[in-house]
Every structure is written in structure tokens, then in C-alpha cells.
């Protein structure tokens, strides 16, 4: 497990100490873990919210039925493969004739 050492002003130290006691925690590191985990959840929620908004803004909804399900997923797979090929082409160094 990794360790952080931090320096706090006296007022922040008192605040953390009060929070630890108020929340019934054993150690201040538990308080900091809770803060970091809450921020991590908030960050993930923000990321997924942005992705949902992108999806909603990407165009009109497409109804997937039994009749078009295979074509729909094949189209998604094809788009992913094209994006992957484009990304690989950009990342791979070009060979120059000598």
C-alpha cells in the first residue's frame, strides 16, 4: 500500500480531527480515503454523464428490432474497426524509401 505524507495548517488539522471523531473513524487516513473515493465516484459520474450527453447529441435514436439487430451490431463493429485502423495508421511510423 502506498503512503502519502501531508502537512496541514493547524486549522485544517483541527477540522480533520473533528471530522474523524464525528464520523466515528479510527484514523485520519480513513477520512482521506473517504474523500478520495467520493471524488473518484464524482469523477466517474461526470465522465458517464458526458458520454450520455454525447450519445444524445449524436443524432436521432435508432430503434433496434429483431429484424435489424444483426445489421445494427455489424455496423457498430465495422465503425469500431475503422476507427481502430485509422488510429493504428496514425500511430505507426511511416517507412521512407532510402
PDB file of N, CA and C in Angstrom:
ATOM      1  N   UNK A   1       0.845  -1.175   0.000  1.00  0.00           N
ATOM      2  CA  UNK A   1       0.000   0.000   0.000  1.00  0.00           C
ATOM      3  C   UNK A   1       0.893   1.241   0.000  1.00  0.00           C
ATOM      4  N   UNK A   2       0.568   2.223  -0.811  1.00  0.00           N
ATOM      5  CA  UNK A   2       1.355   3.448  -0.903  1.00  0.00           C
ATOM      6  C   UNK A   2       1.040   4.378   0.266  1.00  0.00           C
ATOM      7  N   UNK A   3       1.990   5.247   0.565  1.00  0.00           N
ATOM      8  CA  UNK A   3       1.839   6.178   1.681  1.00  0.00           C
ATOM      9  C   UNK A   3       2.051   7.597   1.202  1.00  0.00           C
ATOM     10  N   UNK A   4       1.217   8.514   1.691  1.00  0.00           N
ATOM     11  CA  UNK A   4       1.383   9.942   1.458  1.00  0.00           C
ATOM     12  C   UNK A   4       1.640  10.613   2.800  1.00  0.00           C
ATOM     13  N   UNK A   5       2.492  11.605   2.778  1.00  0.00           N
ATOM     14  CA  UNK A   5       2.710  12.429   3.961  1.00  0.00           C
ATOM     15  C   UNK A   5       2.284  13.836   3.588  1.00  0.00           C
ATOM     16  N   UNK A   6       1.384  14.410   4.369  1.00  0.00           N
ATOM     17  CA  UNK A   6       0.928  15.763   4.062  1.00  0.00           C
ATOM     18  C   UNK A   6       1.091  16.659   5.278  1.00  0.00           C
ATOM     19  N   UNK A   7       1.246  17.940   5.001  1.00  0.00           N
ATOM     20  CA  UNK A   7       1.339  18.934   6.050  1.00  0.00           C
ATOM     21  C   UNK A   7       0.096  19.798   5.971  1.00  0.00           C
ATOM     22  N   UNK A   8      -0.561  19.980   7.116  1.00  0.00           N
ATOM     23  CA  UNK A   8      -1.779  20.787   7.172  1.00  0.00           C
ATOM     24  C   UNK A   8      -1.575  21.963   8.110  1.00  0.00           C
ATOM     25  N   UNK A   9      -2.284  23.036   7.805  1.00  0.00           N
ATOM     26  CA  UNK A   9      -2.292  24.153   8.753  1.00  0.00           C
ATOM     27  C   UNK A   9      -2.994  23.677  10.020  1.00  0.00           C
ATOM     28  N   UNK A  10      -2.811  24.381  11.086  1.00  0.00           N
ATOM     29  CA  UNK A  10      -3.431  23.978  12.356  1.00  0.00           C
ATOM     30  C   UNK A  10      -4.949  23.928  12.244  1.00  0.00           C
ATOM     31  N   UNK A  11      -5.534  24.891  11.529  1.00  0.00           N
ATOM     32  CA  UNK A  11      -6.998  24.906  11.412  1.00  0.00           C
ATOM     33  C   UNK A  11      -7.505  23.704  10.597  1.00  0.00           C
ATOM     34  N   UNK A  12      -6.782  23.347   9.540  1.00  0.00           N
ATOM     35  CA  UNK A  12      -7.180  22.171   8.767  1.00  0.00           C
ATOM     36  C   UNK A  12      -6.979  20.890   9.573  1.00  0.00           C
ATOM     37  N   UNK A  13      -5.897  20.834  10.329  1.00  0.00           N
ATOM     38  CA  UNK A  13      -5.645  19.674  11.174  1.00  0.00           C
ATOM     39  C   UNK A  13      -6.779  19.493  12.173  1.00  0.00           C
ATOM     40  N   UNK A  14      -7.207  20.590  12.784  1.00  0.00           N
ATOM     41  CA  UNK A  14      -8.316  20.534  13.742  1.00  0.00           C
ATOM     42  C   UNK A  14      -9.600  20.084  13.058  1.00  0.00           C
ATOM     43  N   UNK A  15      -9.841  20.593  11.864  1.00  0.00           N
ATOM     44  CA  UNK A  15     -11.040  20.209  11.123  1.00  0.00           C
ATOM     45  C   UNK A  15     -11.039  18.708  10.844  1.00  0.00           C
ATOM     46  N   UNK A  16      -9.913  18.185  10.362  1.00  0.00           N
ATOM     47  CA  UNK A  16      -9.814  16.760  10.058  1.00  0.00           C
ATOM     48  C   UNK A  16     -10.015  15.948  11.334  1.00  0.00           C
ATOM     49  N   UNK A  17      -9.395  16.358  12.409  1.00  0.00           N
ATOM     50  CA  UNK A  17      -9.531  15.660  13.689  1.00  0.00           C
ATOM     51  C   UNK A  17     -10.993  15.620  14.128  1.00  0.00           C
ATOM     52  N   UNK A  18     -11.693  16.741  13.985  1.00  0.00           N
ATOM     53  CA  UNK A  18     -13.117  16.798  14.342  1.00  0.00           C
ATOM     54  C   UNK A  18     -13.944  15.879  13.447  1.00  0.00           C
ATOM     55  N   UNK A  19     -13.629  15.870  12.146  1.00  0.00           N
ATOM     56  CA  UNK A  19     -14.364  15.016  11.201  1.00  0.00           C
ATOM     57  C   UNK A  19     -14.157  13.539  11.520  1.00  0.00           C
ATOM     58  N   UNK A  20     -12.940  13.169  11.868  1.00  0.00           N
ATOM     59  CA  UNK A  20     -12.629  11.783  12.210  1.00  0.00           C
ATOM     60  C   UNK A  20     -13.467  11.361  13.416  1.00  0.00           C
ATOM     61  N   UNK A  21     -13.501  12.220  14.443  1.00  0.00           N
ATOM     62  CA  UNK A  21     -14.280  11.903  15.644  1.00  0.00           C
ATOM     63  C   UNK A  21     -15.773  11.879  15.337  1.00  0.00           C
ATOM     64  N   UNK A  22     -16.243  12.865  14.588  1.00  0.00           N
ATOM     65  CA  UNK A  22     -17.668  12.982  14.266  1.00  0.00           C
ATOM     66  C   UNK A  22     -18.167  11.776  13.465  1.00  0.00           C
ATOM     67  N   UNK A  23     -17.334  11.287  12.572  1.00  0.00           N
ATOM     68  CA  UNK A  23     -17.718  10.170  11.711  1.00  0.00           C
ATOM     69  C   UNK A  23     -17.416   8.812  12.341  1.00  0.00           C
ATOM     70  N   UNK A  24     -16.816   8.820  13.537  1.00  0.00           N
ATOM     71  CA  UNK A  24     -16.522   7.574  14.227  1.00  0.00           C
ATOM     72  C   UNK A  24     -15.418   6.755  13.571  1.00  0.00           C
ATOM     73  N   UNK A  25     -14.486   7.430  12.934  1.00  0.00           N
ATOM     74  CA  UNK A  25     -13.381   6.746  12.268  1.00  0.00           C
ATOM     75  C   UNK A  25     -12.249   6.505  13.258  1.00  0.00           C
ATOM     76  N   UNK A  26     -11.422   5.523  12.958  1.00  0.00           N
ATOM     77  CA  UNK A  26     -10.296   5.206  13.834  1.00  0.00           C
ATOM     78  C   UNK A  26      -9.077   6.074  13.557  1.00  0.00           C
ATOM     79  N   UNK A  27      -8.884   6.435  12.266  1.00  0.00           N
ATOM     80  CA  UNK A  27      -7.679   7.166  11.887  1.00  0.00           C
ATOM     81  C   UNK A  27      -8.015   8.220  10.838  1.00  0.00           C
ATOM     82  N   UNK A  28      -7.158   9.221  10.755  1.00  0.00           N
ATOM     83  CA  UNK A  28      -7.368  10.277   9.759  1.00  0.00           C
ATOM     84  C   UNK A  28      -7.236   9.738   8.334  1.00  0.00           C
ATOM     85  N   UNK A  29      -6.416   8.672   8.135  1.00  0.00           N
ATOM     86  CA  UNK A  29      -6.292   8.152   6.775  1.00  0.00           C
ATOM     87  C   UNK A  29      -7.627   7.607   6.264  1.00  0.00           C
ATOM     88  N   UNK A  30      -8.478   7.120   7.157  1.00  0.00           N
ATOM     89  CA  UNK A  30      -9.803   6.656   6.730  1.00  0.00           C
ATOM     90  C   UNK A  30     -10.627   7.829   6.196  1.00  0.00           C
ATOM     91  N   UNK A  31     -10.490   8.975   6.855  1.00  0.00           N
ATOM     92  CA  UNK A  31     -11.202  10.172   6.409  1.00  0.00           C
ATOM     93  C   UNK A  31     -10.737  10.581   5.013  1.00  0.00           C
ATOM     94  N   UNK A  32      -9.430  10.592   4.812  1.00  0.00           N
ATOM     95  CA  UNK A  32      -8.894  10.967   3.500  1.00  0.00           C
ATOM     96  C   UNK A  32      -9.270   9.942   2.426  1.00  0.00           C
ATOM     97  N   UNK A  33      -9.275   8.662   2.779  1.00  0.00           N
ATOM     98  CA  UNK A  33      -9.715   7.635   1.831  1.00  0.00           C
ATOM     99  C   UNK A  33     -11.157   7.887   1.396  1.00  0.00           C
ATOM    100  N   UNK A  34     -12.017   8.225   2.364  1.00  0.00           N
ATOM    101  CA  UNK A  34     -13.415   8.506   2.031  1.00  0.00           C
ATOM    102  C   UNK A  34     -13.530   9.705   1.100  1.00  0.00           C
ATOM    103  N   UNK A  35     -12.747  10.741   1.358  1.00  0.00           N
ATOM    104  CA  UNK A  35     -12.773  11.930   0.493  1.00  0.00           C
ATOM    105  C   UNK A  35     -12.328  11.578  -0.927  1.00  0.00           C
ATOM    106  N   UNK A  36     -11.260  10.822  -1.035  1.00  0.00           N
ATOM    107  CA  UNK A  36     -10.722  10.456  -2.351  1.00  0.00           C
ATOM    108  C   UNK A  36     -11.694   9.540  -3.089  1.00  0.00           C
ATOM    109  N   UNK A  37     -12.275   8.577  -2.393  1.00  0.00           N
ATOM    110  CA  UNK A  37     -13.245   7.681  -3.029  1.00  0.00           C
ATOM    111  C   UNK A  37     -14.470   8.457  -3.517  1.00  0.00           C
ATOM    112  N   UNK A  38     -14.923   9.429  -2.720  1.00  0.00           N
ATOM    113  CA  UNK A  38     -16.063  10.250  -3.129  1.00  0.00           C
ATOM    114  C   UNK A  38     -15.714  11.052  -4.379  1.00  0.00           C
ATOM    115  N   UNK A  39     -14.516  11.592  -4.438  1.00  0.00           N
ATOM    116  CA  UNK A  39     -14.078  12.343  -5.618  1.00  0.00           C
ATOM    117  C   UNK A  39     -13.953  11.433  -6.826  1.00  0.00           C
ATOM    118  N   UNK A  40     -13.481  10.217  -6.595  1.00  0.00           N
ATOM    119  CA  UNK A  40     -13.362   9.239  -7.674  1.00  0.00           C
ATOM    120  C   UNK A  40     -14.749   8.913  -8.238  1.00  0.00           C
ATOM    121  N   UNK A  41     -15.733   8.690  -7.371  1.00  0.00           N
ATOM    122  CA  UNK A  41     -17.105   8.426  -7.821  1.00  0.00           C
ATOM    123  C   UNK A  41     -17.660   9.614  -8.587  1.00  0.00           C
ATOM    124  N   UNK A  42     -17.430  10.824  -8.069  1.00  0.00           N
ATOM    125  CA  UNK A  42     -17.920  12.028  -8.725  1.00  0.00           C
ATOM    126  C   UNK A  42     -17.311  12.173 -10.109  1.00  0.00           C
ATOM    127  N   UNK A  43     -16.028  11.873 -10.211  1.00  0.00           N
ATOM    128  CA  UNK A  43     -15.337  11.965 -11.488  1.00  0.00           C
ATOM    129  C   UNK A  43     -15.900  10.965 -12.491  1.00  0.00           C
ATOM    130  N   UNK A  44     -16.157   9.736 -12.048  1.00  0.00           N
ATOM    131  CA  UNK A  44     -16.740   8.724 -12.930  1.00  0.00           C
ATOM    132  C   UNK A  44     -18.156   9.113 -13.359  1.00  0.00           C
ATOM    133  N   UNK A  45     -18.936   9.625 -12.416  1.00  0.00           N
ATOM    134  CA  UNK A  45     -20.293  10.056 -12.752  1.00  0.00           C
ATOM    135  C   UNK A  45     -20.256  11.164 -13.800  1.00  0.00           C
ATOM    136  N   UNK A  46     -19.322  12.099 -13.642  1.00  0.00           N
ATOM    137  CA  UNK A  46     -19.177  13.184 -14.608  1.00  0.00           C
ATOM    138  C   UNK A  46     -18.797  12.637 -15.982  1.00  0.00           C
ATOM    139  N   UNK A  47     -17.871  11.679 -16.012  1.00  0.00           N
ATOM    140  CA  UNK A  47     -17.449  11.064 -17.270  1.00  0.00           C
ATOM    141  C   UNK A  47     -18.635  10.395 -17.963  1.00  0.00           C
ATOM    142  N   UNK A  48     -19.377   9.582 -17.215  1.00  0.00           N
ATOM    143  CA  UNK A  48     -20.508   8.878 -17.826  1.00  0.00           C
ATOM    144  C   UNK A  48     -21.619   9.843 -18.231  1.00  0.00           C
ATOM    145  N   UNK A  49     -21.832  10.891 -17.461  1.00  0.00           N
ATOM    146  CA  UNK A  49     -22.813  11.901 -17.836  1.00  0.00           C
ATOM    147  C   UNK A  49     -22.437  12.543 -19.170  1.00  0.00           C
ATOM    148  N   UNK A  50     -21.160  12.873 -19.336  1.00  0.00           N
ATOM    149  CA  UNK A  50     -20.690  13.444 -20.599  1.00  0.00           C
ATOM    150  C   UNK A  50     -20.910  12.471 -21.751  1.00  0.00           C
ATOM    151  N   UNK A  51     -20.649  11.190 -21.521  1.00  0.00           N
ATOM    152  CA  UNK A  51     -20.847  10.185 -22.572  1.00  0.00           C
ATOM    153  C   UNK A  51     -22.321  10.061 -22.939  1.00  0.00           C
ATOM    154  N   UNK A  52     -23.196  10.109 -21.958  1.00  0.00           N
ATOM    155  CA  UNK A  52     -24.636  10.056 -22.237  1.00  0.00           C
ATOM    156  C   UNK A  52     -25.043  11.268 -23.056  1.00  0.00           C
ATOM    157  N   UNK A  53     -24.535  12.443 -22.676  1.00  0.00           N
ATOM    158  CA  UNK A  53     -24.866  13.665 -23.411  1.00  0.00           C
ATOM    159  C   UNK A  53     -24.359  13.591 -24.852  1.00  0.00           C
ATOM    160  N   UNK A  54     -23.147  13.052 -25.042  1.00  0.00           N
ATOM    161  CA  UNK A  54     -22.618  12.868 -26.397  1.00  0.00           C
ATOM    162  C   UNK A  54     -23.524  11.949 -27.208  1.00  0.00           C
ATOM    163  N   UNK A  55     -23.965  10.872 -26.578  1.00  0.00           N
ATOM    164  CA  UNK A  55     -24.849   9.940 -27.264  1.00  0.00           C
ATOM    165  C   UNK A  55     -26.164  10.588 -27.659  1.00  0.00           C
ATOM    166  N   UNK A  56     -26.729  11.363 -26.752  1.00  0.00           N
ATOM    167  CA  UNK A  56     -27.989  12.035 -27.045  1.00  0.00           C
ATOM    168  C   UNK A  56     -27.834  13.062 -28.165  1.00  0.00           C
ATOM    169  N   UNK A  57     -26.657  13.692 -28.226  1.00  0.00           N
ATOM    170  CA  UNK A  57     -26.428  14.719 -29.241  1.00  0.00           C
ATOM    171  C   UNK A  57     -25.943  14.130 -30.565  1.00  0.00           C
ATOM    172  N   UNK A  58     -25.718  12.825 -30.616  1.00  0.00           N
ATOM    173  CA  UNK A  58     -25.116  12.225 -31.803  1.00  0.00           C
ATOM    174  C   UNK A  58     -26.088  12.027 -32.964  1.00  0.00           C
ATOM    175  N   UNK A  59     -27.334  12.252 -32.743  1.00  0.00           N
ATOM    176  CA  UNK A  59     -28.301  12.102 -33.827  1.00  0.00           C
ATOM    177  C   UNK A  59     -29.593  11.487 -33.332  1.00  0.00           C
ATOM    178  N   UNK A  60     -30.482  11.271 -34.244  1.00  0.00           N
ATOM    179  CA  UNK A  60     -31.775  10.716 -33.845  1.00  0.00           C
ATOM    180  C   UNK A  60     -31.620   9.278 -33.339  1.00  0.00           C
ATOM    181  N   UNK A  61     -32.508   8.865 -32.458  1.00  0.00           N
ATOM    182  CA  UNK A  61     -32.413   7.499 -31.939  1.00  0.00           C
ATOM    183  C   UNK A  61     -32.680   6.472 -33.036  1.00  0.00           C
ATOM    184  N   UNK A  62     -32.100   5.312 -32.868  1.00  0.00           N
ATOM    185  CA  UNK A  62     -32.284   4.209 -33.806  1.00  0.00           C
ATOM    186  C   UNK A  62     -33.007   3.090 -33.067  1.00  0.00           C
ATOM    187  N   UNK A  63     -34.123   2.673 -33.617  1.00  0.00           N
ATOM    188  CA  UNK A  63     -34.867   1.577 -32.999  1.00  0.00           C
ATOM    189  C   UNK A  63     -34.263   0.251 -33.460  1.00  0.00           C
ATOM    190  N   UNK A  64     -33.840  -0.563 -32.494  1.00  0.00           N
ATOM    191  CA  UNK A  64     -33.269  -1.861 -32.805  1.00  0.00           C
ATOM    192  C   UNK A  64     -34.356  -2.909 -32.580  1.00  0.00           C
ATOM    193  N   UNK A  65     -34.648  -3.640 -33.641  1.00  0.00           N
ATOM    194  CA  UNK A  65     -35.667  -4.683 -33.589  1.00  0.00           C
ATOM    195  C   UNK A  65     -35.021  -6.023 -33.932  1.00  0.00           C
ATOM    196  N   UNK A  66     -35.796  -7.064 -33.826  1.00  0.00           N
ATOM    197  CA  UNK A  66     -35.292  -8.385 -34.210  1.00  0.00           C
ATOM    198  C   UNK A  66     -34.834  -8.386 -35.663  1.00  0.00           C
ATOM    199  N   UNK A  67     -35.545  -7.639 -36.505  1.00  0.00           N
ATOM    200  CA  UNK A  67     -35.247  -7.627 -37.936  1.00  0.00           C
ATOM    201  C   UNK A  67     -33.936  -6.906 -38.259  1.00  0.00           C
ATOM    202  N   UNK A  68     -33.607  -5.848 -37.522  1.00  0.00           N
ATOM    203  CA  UNK A  68     -32.412  -5.072 -37.875  1.00  0.00           C
ATOM    204  C   UNK A  68     -31.276  -5.224 -36.855  1.00  0.00           C
ATOM    205  N   UNK A  69     -31.464  -6.066 -35.852  1.00  0.00           N
ATOM    206  CA  UNK A  69     -30.460  -6.210 -34.783  1.00  0.00           C
ATOM    207  C   UNK A  69     -29.084  -6.602 -35.322  1.00  0.00           C
ATOM    208  N   UNK A  70     -29.023  -7.601 -36.176  1.00  0.00           N
ATOM    209  CA  UNK A  70     -27.733  -8.076 -36.693  1.00  0.00           C
ATOM    210  C   UNK A  70     -27.045  -6.977 -37.514  1.00  0.00           C
ATOM    211  N   UNK A  71     -27.802  -6.325 -38.381  1.00  0.00           N
ATOM    212  CA  UNK A  71     -27.234  -5.245 -39.202  1.00  0.00           C
ATOM    213  C   UNK A  71     -26.761  -4.092 -38.312  1.00  0.00           C
ATOM    214  N   UNK A  72     -27.530  -3.782 -37.271  1.00  0.00           N
ATOM    215  CA  UNK A  72     -27.153  -2.707 -36.351  1.00  0.00           C
ATOM    216  C   UNK A  72     -25.804  -3.008 -35.702  1.00  0.00           C
ATOM    217  N   UNK A  73     -25.663  -4.208 -35.106  1.00  0.00           N
ATOM    218  CA  UNK A  73     -24.419  -4.547 -34.422  1.00  0.00           C
ATOM    219  C   UNK A  73     -23.263  -4.716 -35.392  1.00  0.00           C
ATOM    220  N   UNK A  74     -23.524  -5.216 -36.575  1.00  0.00           N
ATOM    221  CA  UNK A  74     -22.459  -5.301 -37.584  1.00  0.00           C
ATOM    222  C   UNK A  74     -21.967  -3.913 -37.969  1.00  0.00           C
ATOM    223  N   UNK A  75     -22.883  -2.962 -38.061  1.00  0.00           N
ATOM    224  CA  UNK A  75     -22.499  -1.582 -38.357  1.00  0.00           C
ATOM    225  C   UNK A  75     -21.635  -0.989 -37.259  1.00  0.00           C
ATOM    226  N   UNK A  76     -22.003  -1.265 -35.997  1.00  0.00           N
ATOM    227  CA  UNK A  76     -21.202  -0.789 -34.852  1.00  0.00           C
ATOM    228  C   UNK A  76     -19.805  -1.413 -34.916  1.00  0.00           C
ATOM    229  N   UNK A  77     -19.739  -2.721 -35.120  1.00  0.00           N
ATOM    230  CA  UNK A  77     -18.440  -3.408 -35.198  1.00  0.00           C
ATOM    231  C   UNK A  77     -17.583  -2.839 -36.325  1.00  0.00           C
ATOM    232  N   UNK A  78     -18.196  -2.591 -37.462  1.00  0.00           N
ATOM    233  CA  UNK A  78     -17.457  -2.040 -38.603  1.00  0.00           C
ATOM    234  C   UNK A  78     -16.910  -0.646 -38.281  1.00  0.00           C
ATOM    235  N   UNK A  79     -17.715   0.168 -37.640  1.00  0.00           N
ATOM    236  CA  UNK A  79     -17.263   1.518 -37.278  1.00  0.00           C
ATOM    237  C   UNK A  79     -16.093   1.447 -36.293  1.00  0.00           C
ATOM    238  N   UNK A  80     -16.177   0.551 -35.335  1.00  0.00           N
ATOM    239  CA  UNK A  80     -15.086   0.390 -34.361  1.00  0.00           C
ATOM    240  C   UNK A  80     -13.811  -0.060 -35.066  1.00  0.00           C
ATOM    241  N   UNK A  81     -13.932  -1.020 -35.970  1.00  0.00           N
ATOM    242  CA  UNK A  81     -12.754  -1.490 -36.704  1.00  0.00           C
ATOM    243  C   UNK A  81     -12.132  -0.388 -37.550  1.00  0.00           C
ATOM    244  N   UNK A  82     -12.966   0.432 -38.189  1.00  0.00           N
ATOM    245  CA  UNK A  82     -12.453   1.540 -38.991  1.00  0.00           C
ATOM    246  C   UNK A  82     -11.717   2.547 -38.117  1.00  0.00           C
ATOM    247  N   UNK A  83     -12.287   2.860 -36.963  1.00  0.00           N
ATOM    248  CA  UNK A  83     -11.623   3.799 -36.042  1.00  0.00           C
ATOM    249  C   UNK A  83     -10.290   3.229 -35.569  1.00  0.00           C
ATOM    250  N   UNK A  84     -10.269   1.934 -35.270  1.00  0.00           N
ATOM    251  CA  UNK A  84      -9.041   1.292 -34.825  1.00  0.00           C
ATOM    252  C   UNK A  84      -7.975   1.334 -35.917  1.00  0.00           C
ATOM    253  N   UNK A  85      -8.363   1.045 -37.142  1.00  0.00           N
ATOM    254  CA  UNK A  85      -7.416   1.083 -38.259  1.00  0.00           C
ATOM    255  C   UNK A  85      -6.888   2.492 -38.471  1.00  0.00           C
ATOM    256  N   UNK A  86      -7.755   3.482 -38.366  1.00  0.00           N
ATOM    257  CA  UNK A  86      -7.332   4.881 -38.518  1.00  0.00           C
ATOM    258  C   UNK A  86      -6.341   5.253 -37.427  1.00  0.00           C
ATOM    259  N   UNK A  87      -6.643   4.857 -36.183  1.00  0.00           N
ATOM    260  CA  UNK A  87      -5.754   5.163 -35.062  1.00  0.00           C
ATOM    261  C   UNK A  87      -4.407   4.484 -35.242  1.00  0.00           C
ATOM    262  N   UNK A  88      -4.422   3.223 -35.647  1.00  0.00           N
ATOM    263  CA  UNK A  88      -3.161   2.493 -35.855  1.00  0.00           C
ATOM    264  C   UNK A  88      -2.345   3.117 -36.977  1.00  0.00           C
ATOM    265  N   UNK A  89      -3.017   3.565 -38.028  1.00  0.00           N
ATOM    266  CA  UNK A  89      -2.311   4.198 -39.149  1.00  0.00           C
ATOM    267  C   UNK A  89      -1.638   5.488 -38.682  1.00  0.00           C
ATOM    268  N   UNK A  90      -2.284   6.239 -37.813  1.00  0.00           N
ATOM    269  CA  UNK A  90      -1.703   7.484 -37.304  1.00  0.00           C
ATOM    270  C   UNK A  90      -0.538   7.216 -36.359  1.00  0.00           C
ATOM    271  N   UNK A  91      -0.629   6.127 -35.602  1.00  0.00           N
ATOM    272  CA  UNK A  91       0.390   5.819 -34.601  1.00  0.00           C
ATOM    273  C   UNK A  91       1.606   5.117 -35.179  1.00  0.00           C
ATOM    274  N   UNK A  92       1.437   4.375 -36.277  1.00  0.00           N
ATOM    275  CA  UNK A  92       2.567   3.621 -36.813  1.00  0.00           C
ATOM    276  C   UNK A  92       3.463   4.539 -37.638  1.00  0.00           C
ATOM    277  N   UNK A  93       4.780   4.399 -37.443  1.00  0.00           N
ATOM    278  CA  UNK A  93       5.712   5.247 -38.210  1.00  0.00           C
ATOM    279  C   UNK A  93       5.683   4.882 -39.691  1.00  0.00           C
ATOM    280  N   UNK A  94       5.808   5.880 -40.501  1.00  0.00           N
ATOM    281  CA  UNK A  94       5.820   5.629 -41.947  1.00  0.00           C
ATOM    282  C   UNK A  94       7.225   5.241 -42.370  1.00  0.00           C
ATOM    283  N   UNK A  95       7.309   4.329 -43.327  1.00  0.00           N
ATOM    284  CA  UNK A  95       8.608   3.896 -43.854  1.00  0.00           C
ATOM    285  C   UNK A  95       8.934   4.737 -45.069  1.00  0.00           C
ATOM    286  N   UNK A  96      10.095   5.361 -45.016  1.00  0.00           N
ATOM    287  CA  UNK A  96      10.506   6.186 -46.142  1.00  0.00           C
ATOM    288  C   UNK A  96      11.478   5.416 -47.021  1.00  0.00           C
ATOM    289  N   UNK A  97      11.370   5.629 -48.286  1.00  0.00           N
ATOM    290  CA  UNK A  97      12.288   4.964 -49.227  1.00  0.00           C
ATOM    291  C   UNK A  97      13.679   5.554 -49.046  1.00  0.00           C
ATOM    292  N   UNK A  98      14.675   4.682 -49.044  1.00  0.00           N
ATOM    293  CA  UNK A  98      16.063   5.122 -48.860  1.00  0.00           C
ATOM    294  C   UNK A  98      16.773   5.201 -50.176  1.00  0.00           C
TER     295      UNK A  98
END
